[in-house]
C-alpha atoms as a PDB file:
ATOM      1  CA  UNK A   1     -15.863  13.900  -6.545  1.00  0.00           C
ATOM      2  CA  UNK A   2     -14.123  17.114  -5.816  1.00  0.00           C
ATOM      3  CA  UNK A   3     -10.195  16.336  -5.792  1.00  0.00           C
ATOM      4  CA  UNK A   4      -7.455  18.496  -5.067  1.00  0.00           C
ATOM      5  CA  UNK A   5      -3.711  17.811  -4.925  1.00  0.00           C
ATOM      6  CA  UNK A   6      -1.093  20.023  -2.926  1.00  0.00           C
ATOM      7  CA  UNK A   7       2.601  19.987  -4.033  1.00  0.00           C
ATOM      8  CA  UNK A   8       5.654  22.091  -2.995  1.00  0.00           C
ATOM      9  CA  UNK A   9       8.480  21.802  -5.818  1.00  0.00           C
ATOM     10  CA  UNK A  10      12.072  22.146  -4.983  1.00  0.00           C
ATOM     11  CA  UNK A  11      12.229  25.581  -6.205  1.00  0.00           C
ATOM     12  CA  UNK A  12       9.247  26.478  -4.144  1.00  0.00           C
ATOM     13  CA  UNK A  13      10.969  25.046  -1.072  1.00  0.00           C
ATOM     14  CA  UNK A  14      13.691  26.865  -1.726  1.00  0.00           C
ATOM     15  CA  UNK A  15      12.045  30.137  -1.894  1.00  0.00           C
ATOM     16  CA  UNK A  16       9.946  29.823   1.175  1.00  0.00           C
ATOM     17  CA  UNK A  17       6.662  28.019   0.373  1.00  0.00           C
ATOM     18  CA  UNK A  18       5.656  25.382   2.920  1.00  0.00           C
ATOM     19  CA  UNK A  19       2.858  22.667   2.802  1.00  0.00           C
ATOM     20  CA  UNK A  20       1.081  23.609   6.088  1.00  0.00           C
ATOM     21  CA  UNK A  21       0.431  26.997   4.246  1.00  0.00           C
ATOM     22  CA  UNK A  22      -0.840  25.432   1.224  1.00  0.00           C
ATOM     23  CA  UNK A  23      -3.171  23.266   3.478  1.00  0.00           C
ATOM     24  CA  UNK A  24      -3.999  26.164   5.702  1.00  0.00           C
ATOM     25  CA  UNK A  25      -5.026  28.206   2.302  1.00  0.00           C
ATOM     26  CA  UNK A  26      -6.995  25.397   1.017  1.00  0.00           C
ATOM     27  CA  UNK A  27      -9.059  25.168   4.009  1.00  0.00           C
ATOM     28  CA  UNK A  28     -10.270  28.887   3.786  1.00  0.00           C
ATOM     29  CA  UNK A  29     -11.086  28.484   0.568  1.00  0.00           C
ATOM     30  CA  UNK A  30     -14.399  27.863  -1.010  1.00  0.00           C
ATOM     31  CA  UNK A  31     -13.795  24.144  -2.356  1.00  0.00           C
ATOM     32  CA  UNK A  32     -12.916  23.312   1.219  1.00  0.00           C
ATOM     33  CA  UNK A  33     -15.989  21.809   2.076  1.00  0.00           C
ATOM     34  CA  UNK A  34     -16.925  20.310  -0.580  1.00  0.00           C
ATOM     35  CA  UNK A  35     -13.611  18.923  -1.296  1.00  0.00           C
ATOM     36  CA  UNK A  36     -13.971  14.509  -1.072  1.00  0.00           C
ATOM     37  CA  UNK A  37     -10.366  13.888  -2.241  1.00  0.00           C
ATOM     38  CA  UNK A  38      -7.523  15.449  -1.390  1.00  0.00           C
ATOM     39  CA  UNK A  39      -3.755  14.360  -2.371  1.00  0.00           C
ATOM     40  CA  UNK A  40      -0.031  15.353  -0.666  1.00  0.00           C
ATOM     41  CA  UNK A  41       1.938  15.399  -3.115  1.00  0.00           C
ATOM     42  CA  UNK A  42       6.147  16.832  -2.382  1.00  0.00           C
ATOM     43  CA  UNK A  43       5.972  18.423   0.917  1.00  0.00           C
ATOM     44  CA  UNK A  44       9.205  20.245  -0.080  1.00  0.00           C
ATOM     45  CA  UNK A  45      12.348  18.298  -0.773  1.00  0.00           C
ATOM     46  CA  UNK A  46      10.581  14.887   1.344  1.00  0.00           C
ATOM     47  CA  UNK A  47      14.279  12.962   0.812  1.00  0.00           C
ATOM     48  CA  UNK A  48      15.062  15.386   3.528  1.00  0.00           C
ATOM     49  CA  UNK A  49      12.038  16.665   5.405  1.00  0.00           C
ATOM     50  CA  UNK A  50       9.445  14.619   6.608  1.00  0.00           C
ATOM     51  CA  UNK A  51       5.676  14.884   6.182  1.00  0.00           C
ATOM     52  CA  UNK A  52       4.798  15.888   9.837  1.00  0.00           C
ATOM     53  CA  UNK A  53       4.064  19.092   8.760  1.00  0.00           C
ATOM     54  CA  UNK A  54       1.528  18.000   6.347  1.00  0.00           C
ATOM     55  CA  UNK A  55       0.105  15.685   9.239  1.00  0.00           C
ATOM     56  CA  UNK A  56      -0.301  18.567  12.064  1.00  0.00           C
ATOM     57  CA  UNK A  57      -1.938  20.950   9.638  1.00  0.00           C
ATOM     58  CA  UNK A  58      -4.481  18.556   8.170  1.00  0.00           C
ATOM     59  CA  UNK A  59      -4.954  17.531  11.816  1.00  0.00           C
ATOM     60  CA  UNK A  60      -5.621  21.550  12.740  1.00  0.00           C
ATOM     61  CA  UNK A  61      -7.925  22.428   9.940  1.00  0.00           C
ATOM     62  CA  UNK A  62      -9.948  18.676   9.474  1.00  0.00           C
ATOM     63  CA  UNK A  63     -12.744  20.989  10.454  1.00  0.00           C
ATOM     64  CA  UNK A  64     -12.626  22.714   6.823  1.00  0.00           C
ATOM     65  CA  UNK A  65     -13.005  19.396   5.275  1.00  0.00           C
ATOM     66  CA  UNK A  66     -16.118  17.467   6.094  1.00  0.00           C
ATOM     67  CA  UNK A  67     -16.882  16.334   3.078  1.00  0.00           C
ATOM     68  CA  UNK A  68     -12.935  14.293   2.881  1.00  0.00           C
ATOM     69  CA  UNK A  69     -13.566  10.689   2.322  1.00  0.00           C
ATOM     70  CA  UNK A  70      -9.870   9.869   0.158  1.00  0.00           C
ATOM     71  CA  UNK A  71      -6.396  11.400   1.520  1.00  0.00           C
ATOM     72  CA  UNK A  72      -2.843  10.022   0.143  1.00  0.00           C
ATOM     73  CA  UNK A  73      -0.110  11.037   1.514  1.00  0.00           C
ATOM     74  CA  UNK A  74       3.091  11.416  -0.472  1.00  0.00           C
ATOM     75  CA  UNK A  75       2.048  10.545  -4.109  1.00  0.00           C
ATOM     76  CA  UNK A  76       5.551  11.593  -5.996  1.00  0.00           C
ATOM     77  CA  UNK A  77       7.354  10.717  -8.803  1.00  0.00           C
ATOM     78  CA  UNK A  78      10.567   9.764  -8.927  1.00  0.00           C
ATOM     79  CA  UNK A  79      11.805  12.751 -10.189  1.00  0.00           C
ATOM     80  CA  UNK A  80      10.742  14.338  -7.337  1.00  0.00           C
ATOM     81  CA  UNK A  81      11.862  12.289  -4.897  1.00  0.00           C
ATOM     82  CA  UNK A  82      12.791   8.253  -5.129  1.00  0.00           C
ATOM     83  CA  UNK A  83       9.989   6.160  -3.660  1.00  0.00           C
ATOM     84  CA  UNK A  84      12.563   4.712  -1.149  1.00  0.00           C
ATOM     85  CA  UNK A  85      13.653   8.006   0.219  1.00  0.00           C
ATOM     86  CA  UNK A  86      10.301   9.645   0.588  1.00  0.00           C
ATOM     87  CA  UNK A  87      10.526  10.255   4.710  1.00  0.00           C
ATOM     88  CA  UNK A  88       7.108   9.789   6.017  1.00  0.00           C
ATOM     89  CA  UNK A  89       6.069  10.403   9.956  1.00  0.00           C
ATOM     90  CA  UNK A  90       3.338   8.810  12.279  1.00  0.00           C
ATOM     91  CA  UNK A  91      -0.030   9.254  10.160  1.00  0.00           C
ATOM     92  CA  UNK A  92      -2.451   7.803  12.669  1.00  0.00           C
ATOM     93  CA  UNK A  93      -3.585  11.781  13.999  1.00  0.00           C
ATOM     94  CA  UNK A  94      -4.781  11.762  10.964  1.00  0.00           C
ATOM     95  CA  UNK A  95      -7.690   9.082  11.917  1.00  0.00           C
ATOM     96  CA  UNK A  96      -9.606  10.794  14.577  1.00  0.00           C
ATOM     97  CA  UNK A  97      -9.256  13.712  12.742  1.00  0.00           C
ATOM     98  CA  UNK A  98     -11.131  12.247  10.099  1.00  0.00           C
ATOM     99  CA  UNK A  99     -13.926   9.973  11.301  1.00  0.00           C
ATOM    100  CA  UNK A 100     -15.953   9.736   7.895  1.00  0.00           C
ATOM    101  CA  UNK A 101     -12.501   8.710   5.825  1.00  0.00           C
ATOM    102  CA  UNK A 102     -13.058   5.954   3.874  1.00  0.00           C
ATOM    103  CA  UNK A 103      -9.610   5.680   2.060  1.00  0.00           C
ATOM    104  CA  UNK A 104      -5.966   6.034   3.372  1.00  0.00           C
ATOM    105  CA  UNK A 105      -3.382   5.526   0.603  1.00  0.00           C
ATOM    106  CA  UNK A 106       0.318   6.678   1.859  1.00  0.00           C
ATOM    107  CA  UNK A 107       3.510   6.414  -0.505  1.00  0.00           C
ATOM    108  CA  UNK A 108       6.853   6.070   1.388  1.00  0.00           C
ATOM    109  CA  UNK A 109       8.281   4.172   4.153  1.00  0.00           C
ATOM    110  CA  UNK A 110      10.967   6.018   5.965  1.00  0.00           C
ATOM    111  CA  UNK A 111      10.232   7.085   9.660  1.00  0.00           C
ATOM    112  CA  UNK A 112       6.606   5.599   8.824  1.00  0.00           C
ATOM    113  CA  UNK A 113       4.198   4.594  11.425  1.00  0.00           C
ATOM    114  CA  UNK A 114       0.636   4.178  11.752  1.00  0.00           C
ATOM    115  CA  UNK A 115       1.095   3.907  15.970  1.00  0.00           C
ATOM    116  CA  UNK A 116      -2.758   3.915  16.853  1.00  0.00           C
ATOM    117  CA  UNK A 117      -4.335   2.354  13.613  1.00  0.00           C
ATOM    118  CA  UNK A 118      -8.021   2.797  14.777  1.00  0.00           C
ATOM    119  CA  UNK A 119     -10.993   3.899  12.267  1.00  0.00           C
ATOM    120  CA  UNK A 120     -14.585   2.670  12.330  1.00  0.00           C
ATOM    121  CA  UNK A 121     -15.142   3.594   8.761  1.00  0.00           C
ATOM    122  CA  UNK A 122     -12.101   3.427   7.073  1.00  0.00           C
ATOM    123  CA  UNK A 123     -12.608   0.851   3.855  1.00  0.00           C
ATOM    124  CA  UNK A 124      -8.919   1.118   1.991  1.00  0.00           C
ATOM    125  CA  UNK A 125      -5.612   1.044   3.203  1.00  0.00           C
ATOM    126  CA  UNK A 126      -2.887   1.294   0.589  1.00  0.00           C
ATOM    127  CA  UNK A 127       0.880   1.609   1.673  1.00  0.00           C
ATOM    128  CA  UNK A 128       3.214   1.657  -1.880  1.00  0.00           C
ATOM    129  CA  UNK A 129       6.919   1.089  -0.708  1.00  0.00           C
ATOM    130  CA  UNK A 130      10.278  -0.241  -1.759  1.00  0.00           C
ATOM    131  CA  UNK A 131      10.158  -1.441   1.503  1.00  0.00           C
ATOM    132  CA  UNK A 132       7.899  -2.184   4.377  1.00  0.00           C
ATOM    133  CA  UNK A 133       9.564  -2.040   8.021  1.00  0.00           C
ATOM    134  CA  UNK A 134       7.784  -4.834   9.851  1.00  0.00           C
ATOM    135  CA  UNK A 135       6.758  -2.559  12.775  1.00  0.00           C
ATOM    136  CA  UNK A 136       4.362  -0.838  10.459  1.00  0.00           C
ATOM    137  CA  UNK A 137       2.762  -4.201   9.474  1.00  0.00           C
ATOM    138  CA  UNK A 138       2.898  -4.881  13.431  1.00  0.00           C
ATOM    139  CA  UNK A 139       0.903  -1.857  13.845  1.00  0.00           C
ATOM    140  CA  UNK A 140      -1.607  -2.516  11.430  1.00  0.00           C
ATOM    141  CA  UNK A 141      -1.905  -6.084  12.888  1.00  0.00           C
ATOM    142  CA  UNK A 142      -2.675  -4.509  16.095  1.00  0.00           C
ATOM    143  CA  UNK A 143      -4.908  -1.948  14.719  1.00  0.00           C
ATOM    144  CA  UNK A 144      -8.959  -1.542  14.940  1.00  0.00           C
ATOM    145  CA  UNK A 145     -10.206  -1.114  11.376  1.00  0.00           C
ATOM    146  CA  UNK A 146     -13.609  -3.109  11.687  1.00  0.00           C
ATOM    147  CA  UNK A 147     -14.843  -2.028   8.139  1.00  0.00           C
ATOM    148  CA  UNK A 148     -11.975  -2.735   6.220  1.00  0.00           C
ATOM    149  CA  UNK A 149     -12.774  -4.184   3.089  1.00  0.00           C
ATOM    150  CA  UNK A 150      -9.234  -3.386   0.999  1.00  0.00           C
ATOM    151  CA  UNK A 151      -5.574  -4.040   2.127  1.00  0.00           C
ATOM    152  CA  UNK A 152      -2.807  -3.781  -0.335  1.00  0.00           C
ATOM    153  CA  UNK A 153       0.749  -3.851   0.743  1.00  0.00           C
ATOM    154  CA  UNK A 154       4.081  -2.994  -1.167  1.00  0.00           C
ATOM    155  CA  UNK A 155       6.520  -5.129   0.920  1.00  0.00           C
ATOM    156  CA  UNK A 156       9.623  -4.117  -0.928  1.00  0.00           C
ATOM    157  CA  UNK A 157      13.353  -5.504  -0.099  1.00  0.00           C
ATOM    158  CA  UNK A 158      15.252  -5.577   3.166  1.00  0.00           C
ATOM    159  CA  UNK A 159      17.866  -2.952   0.981  1.00  0.00           C
ATOM    160  CA  UNK A 160      15.206  -0.410   1.161  1.00  0.00           C
ATOM    161  CA  UNK A 161      13.358  -1.113   4.372  1.00  0.00           C
ATOM    162  CA  UNK A 162      11.617  -4.746   4.527  1.00  0.00           C
ATOM    163  CA  UNK A 163      12.908  -6.450   7.564  1.00  0.00           C
ATOM    164  CA  UNK A 164      10.355  -8.606   8.449  1.00  0.00           C
ATOM    165  CA  UNK A 165       9.489 -12.156   7.311  1.00  0.00           C
ATOM    166  CA  UNK A 166       6.218 -14.263   7.208  1.00  0.00           C
ATOM    167  CA  UNK A 167       5.630 -14.390  10.950  1.00  0.00           C
ATOM    168  CA  UNK A 168       5.154 -10.337  10.447  1.00  0.00           C
ATOM    169  CA  UNK A 169       2.366 -11.696   7.659  1.00  0.00           C
ATOM    170  CA  UNK A 170       0.793 -14.337   9.871  1.00  0.00           C
ATOM    171  CA  UNK A 171      -1.334 -12.029  11.746  1.00  0.00           C
ATOM    172  CA  UNK A 172      -2.810 -10.024   8.871  1.00  0.00           C
ATOM    173  CA  UNK A 173      -4.515 -12.882   7.028  1.00  0.00           C
ATOM    174  CA  UNK A 174      -6.333 -14.075   9.989  1.00  0.00           C
ATOM    175  CA  UNK A 175      -9.769 -14.474   9.074  1.00  0.00           C
ATOM    176  CA  UNK A 176     -11.217 -12.490  12.022  1.00  0.00           C
ATOM    177  CA  UNK A 177      -8.640  -9.949  11.951  1.00  0.00           C
ATOM    178  CA  UNK A 178     -10.524  -7.682   9.274  1.00  0.00           C
ATOM    179  CA  UNK A 179     -14.162  -9.397   9.028  1.00  0.00           C
ATOM    180  CA  UNK A 180     -15.789  -7.134   6.059  1.00  0.00           C
ATOM    181  CA  UNK A 181     -11.746  -7.747   3.963  1.00  0.00           C
ATOM    182  CA  UNK A 182     -12.271  -8.674   0.372  1.00  0.00           C
ATOM    183  CA  UNK A 183      -9.526  -7.490  -1.205  1.00  0.00           C
ATOM    184  CA  UNK A 184      -5.682  -8.482   0.327  1.00  0.00           C
ATOM    185  CA  UNK A 185      -2.888  -6.958  -1.552  1.00  0.00           C
ATOM    186  CA  UNK A 186       0.515  -8.510  -0.163  1.00  0.00           C
ATOM    187  CA  UNK A 187       2.600  -7.712  -3.413  1.00  0.00           C
ATOM    188  CA  UNK A 188       5.563  -5.940  -4.949  1.00  0.00           C
ATOM    189  CA  UNK A 189       7.916  -8.397  -2.268  1.00  0.00           C
ATOM    190  CA  UNK A 190      11.238 -10.316  -2.453  1.00  0.00           C
ATOM    191  CA  UNK A 191       9.895 -13.313  -0.805  1.00  0.00           C
ATOM    192  CA  UNK A 192       6.665 -13.549  -3.203  1.00  0.00           C
ATOM    193  CA  UNK A 193       6.805 -17.311  -3.360  1.00  0.00           C
ATOM    194  CA  UNK A 194       7.069 -17.867   0.466  1.00  0.00           C
ATOM    195  CA  UNK A 195       3.863 -15.587   0.431  1.00  0.00           C
ATOM    196  CA  UNK A 196       2.240 -17.701  -1.721  1.00  0.00           C
ATOM    197  CA  UNK A 197       2.979 -20.764  -0.276  1.00  0.00           C
ATOM    198  CA  UNK A 198       1.336 -19.164   3.328  1.00  0.00           C
ATOM    199  CA  UNK A 199      -1.764 -17.766   1.719  1.00  0.00           C
ATOM    200  CA  UNK A 200      -2.928 -20.277  -0.815  1.00  0.00           C
ATOM    201  CA  UNK A 201      -4.631 -22.093   1.547  1.00  0.00           C
ATOM    202  CA  UNK A 202      -5.477 -19.804   4.428  1.00  0.00           C
ATOM    203  CA  UNK A 203      -8.793 -19.325   5.626  1.00  0.00           C
ATOM    204  CA  UNK A 204      -8.978 -15.834   5.132  1.00  0.00           C
ATOM    205  CA  UNK A 205      -9.339 -17.087   1.300  1.00  0.00           C
ATOM    206  CA  UNK A 206     -13.154 -17.655   1.793  1.00  0.00           C
ATOM    207  CA  UNK A 207     -14.043 -14.075   2.215  1.00  0.00           C
ATOM    208  CA  UNK A 208     -11.958 -12.326  -0.242  1.00  0.00           C
ATOM    209  CA  UNK A 209     -12.698 -11.957  -3.741  1.00  0.00           C
ATOM    210  CA  UNK A 210      -9.593 -10.821  -4.979  1.00  0.00           C
ATOM    211  CA  UNK A 211      -5.882 -11.914  -4.151  1.00  0.00           C
ATOM    212  CA  UNK A 212      -2.929  -9.689  -5.423  1.00  0.00           C
ATOM    213  CA  UNK A 213       0.304 -11.148  -5.254  1.00  0.00           C
ATOM    214  CA  UNK A 214       1.297  -9.180  -8.479  1.00  0.00           C
ATOM    215  CA  UNK A 215       4.893  -7.182  -8.968  1.00  0.00           C
ATOM    216  CA  UNK A 216       7.135  -9.661  -7.036  1.00  0.00           C
ATOM    217  CA  UNK A 217       9.489 -12.366  -7.666  1.00  0.00           C
ATOM    218  CA  UNK A 218       6.649 -14.925  -7.681  1.00  0.00           C
ATOM    219  CA  UNK A 219       8.375 -18.093  -9.673  1.00  0.00           C
ATOM    220  CA  UNK A 220       7.003 -21.771 -10.428  1.00  0.00           C
ATOM    221  CA  UNK A 221       7.308 -22.680  -6.949  1.00  0.00           C
ATOM    222  CA  UNK A 222       4.755 -20.747  -5.690  1.00  0.00           C
ATOM    223  CA  UNK A 223       2.310 -20.812  -8.517  1.00  0.00           C
ATOM    224  CA  UNK A 224       2.502 -24.730  -8.048  1.00  0.00           C
ATOM    225  CA  UNK A 225       1.135 -24.063  -4.276  1.00  0.00           C
ATOM    226  CA  UNK A 226      -1.393 -22.063  -5.397  1.00  0.00           C
ATOM    227  CA  UNK A 227      -2.388 -24.068  -8.060  1.00  0.00           C
ATOM    228  CA  UNK A 228      -3.047 -26.677  -5.516  1.00  0.00           C
ATOM    229  CA  UNK A 229      -5.257 -24.971  -3.412  1.00  0.00           C
ATOM    230  CA  UNK A 230      -8.990 -25.455  -3.397  1.00  0.00           C
ATOM    231  CA  UNK A 231      -9.575 -22.246  -1.838  1.00  0.00           C
ATOM    232  CA  UNK A 232      -8.375 -20.690  -4.602  1.00  0.00           C
ATOM    233  CA  UNK A 233     -10.968 -21.554  -6.830  1.00  0.00           C
ATOM    234  CA  UNK A 234     -13.521 -19.320  -5.145  1.00  0.00           C
ATOM    235  CA  UNK A 235     -11.772 -16.076  -6.099  1.00  0.00           C
ATOM    236  CA  UNK A 236     -13.140 -13.668  -8.465  1.00  0.00           C
ATOM    237  CA  UNK A 237      -9.876 -12.314  -9.350  1.00  0.00           C
ATOM    238  CA  UNK A 238      -6.310 -13.351  -8.926  1.00  0.00           C
ATOM    239  CA  UNK A 239      -3.519 -11.308  -9.620  1.00  0.00           C
ATOM    240  CA  UNK A 240      -0.204 -12.786 -10.669  1.00  0.00           C
ATOM    241  CA  UNK A 241       1.435 -10.047 -12.829  1.00  0.00           C
ATOM    242  CA  UNK A 242       4.494  -9.134 -12.879  1.00  0.00           C
ATOM    243  CA  UNK A 243       6.126 -12.299 -11.842  1.00  0.00           C
ATOM    244  CA  UNK A 244       9.208 -14.892 -12.754  1.00  0.00           C
ATOM    245  CA  UNK A 245       7.309 -18.049 -13.827  1.00  0.00           C
ATOM    246  CA  UNK A 246       7.984 -20.575 -16.709  1.00  0.00           C
ATOM    247  CA  UNK A 247       6.162 -20.283 -19.781  1.00  0.00           C
ATOM    248  CA  UNK A 248       5.159 -23.944 -19.152  1.00  0.00           C
ATOM    249  CA  UNK A 249       3.863 -22.354 -15.424  1.00  0.00           C
ATOM    250  CA  UNK A 250       1.500 -19.893 -17.652  1.00  0.00           C
ATOM    251  CA  UNK A 251       0.293 -22.344 -20.045  1.00  0.00           C
ATOM    252  CA  UNK A 252      -1.119 -24.047 -16.612  1.00  0.00           C
ATOM    253  CA  UNK A 253      -2.705 -21.097 -15.592  1.00  0.00           C
ATOM    254  CA  UNK A 254      -4.327 -20.444 -18.739  1.00  0.00           C
ATOM    255  CA  UNK A 255      -5.647 -23.647 -19.114  1.00  0.00           C
ATOM    256  CA  UNK A 256      -6.888 -23.977 -15.412  1.00  0.00           C
ATOM    257  CA  UNK A 257      -9.785 -21.861 -16.572  1.00  0.00           C
ATOM    258  CA  UNK A 258      -9.082 -19.900 -13.232  1.00  0.00           C
ATOM    259  CA  UNK A 259      -9.322 -16.006 -13.185  1.00  0.00           C
ATOM    260  CA  UNK A 260      -5.573 -15.391 -13.034  1.00  0.00           C
ATOM    261  CA  UNK A 261      -3.960 -12.374 -14.201  1.00  0.00           C
ATOM    262  CA  UNK A 262      -0.250 -13.878 -15.417  1.00  0.00           C
ATOM    263  CA  UNK A 263       0.807 -11.173 -17.820  1.00  0.00           C
ATOM    264  CA  UNK A 264       3.887  -9.251 -17.461  1.00  0.00           C
ATOM    265  CA  UNK A 265       6.749 -12.412 -17.667  1.00  0.00           C
ATOM    266  CA  UNK A 266      10.236 -11.280 -16.173  1.00  0.00           C
ATOM    267  CA  UNK A 267      13.444 -13.223 -16.540  1.00  0.00           C
ATOM    268  CA  UNK A 268      15.683 -13.637 -14.063  1.00  0.00           C
ATOM    269  CA  UNK A 269      19.341 -11.673 -14.612  1.00  0.00           C
ATOM    270  CA  UNK A 270      21.833 -14.844 -14.629  1.00  0.00           C
ATOM    271  CA  UNK A 271      22.105 -18.234 -13.900  1.00  0.00           C
ATOM    272  CA  UNK A 272      21.978 -17.595 -10.123  1.00  0.00           C
ATOM    273  CA  UNK A 273      18.755 -16.452 -10.646  1.00  0.00           C
ATOM    274  CA  UNK A 274      18.420 -12.893  -9.432  1.00  0.00           C
ATOM    275  CA  UNK A 275      14.954 -11.788  -9.292  1.00  0.00           C
ATOM    276  CA  UNK A 276      13.697  -8.280  -8.511  1.00  0.00           C
ATOM    277  CA  UNK A 277      10.302  -6.607  -7.184  1.00  0.00           C
ATOM    278  CA  UNK A 278       8.753  -3.887  -9.564  1.00  0.00           C
ATOM    279  CA  UNK A 279       9.728  -1.200  -7.206  1.00  0.00           C
ATOM    280  CA  UNK A 280      12.406  -0.961  -4.796  1.00  0.00           C
ATOM    281  CA  UNK A 281      14.533   2.158  -4.684  1.00  0.00           C
END
């Protein structure tokens, strides 16, 4: 695999460097034709400027990247831009521009849109946010991704953009929605118990090898629903890491023989049971 990461730092942006120019320069390079993975990092003060320029350039020069199979838009650390501050845009124009794309990863949920989510070959969609809007969940539910095998959504909290509920997730767990799906991640959520209860006996589990409910506020309540499920027993992996389960519940999981990751136990802040997902701001 040939992989390149493009980044425009704060100082470079101040000096006039632009992500569109960097993409154009890469498109004209000898390595462009062999590039299989492209990572777009900070496009220049991403807390104020959206990813639109990067998207436009990637679409314009798509013909220069015939081998591209993996694309990551917004890979940046907190020192560059807090995840909840990253300003995205409508990324759906990328899909028809790259008909052979297999993996799309997006970080940052502000102004994110996938208004026309249609792709015959995309196998992996990962969206990492501190708060994912229900409008994006609706766009995913309305999309056409017949070859999707992995869907991983970091849902986050309402303070940073999550404005949905279980009703917005139900369309995503219908077994006919993504017929080839084998990995489902509904994670990093402040409603992790409710999600666990909703998916515990959902028919979609019959087609999954991995269910990922990690990084959220899962407690004994949600864990109890999972343990009571017969369908859970068919999974090859159940990721519950970073959780708020009790020692007793952890012991029950370990004694169950089920392939559950119950590492990284968290403790509530106080007697009012304040619990937080792993990634918020």
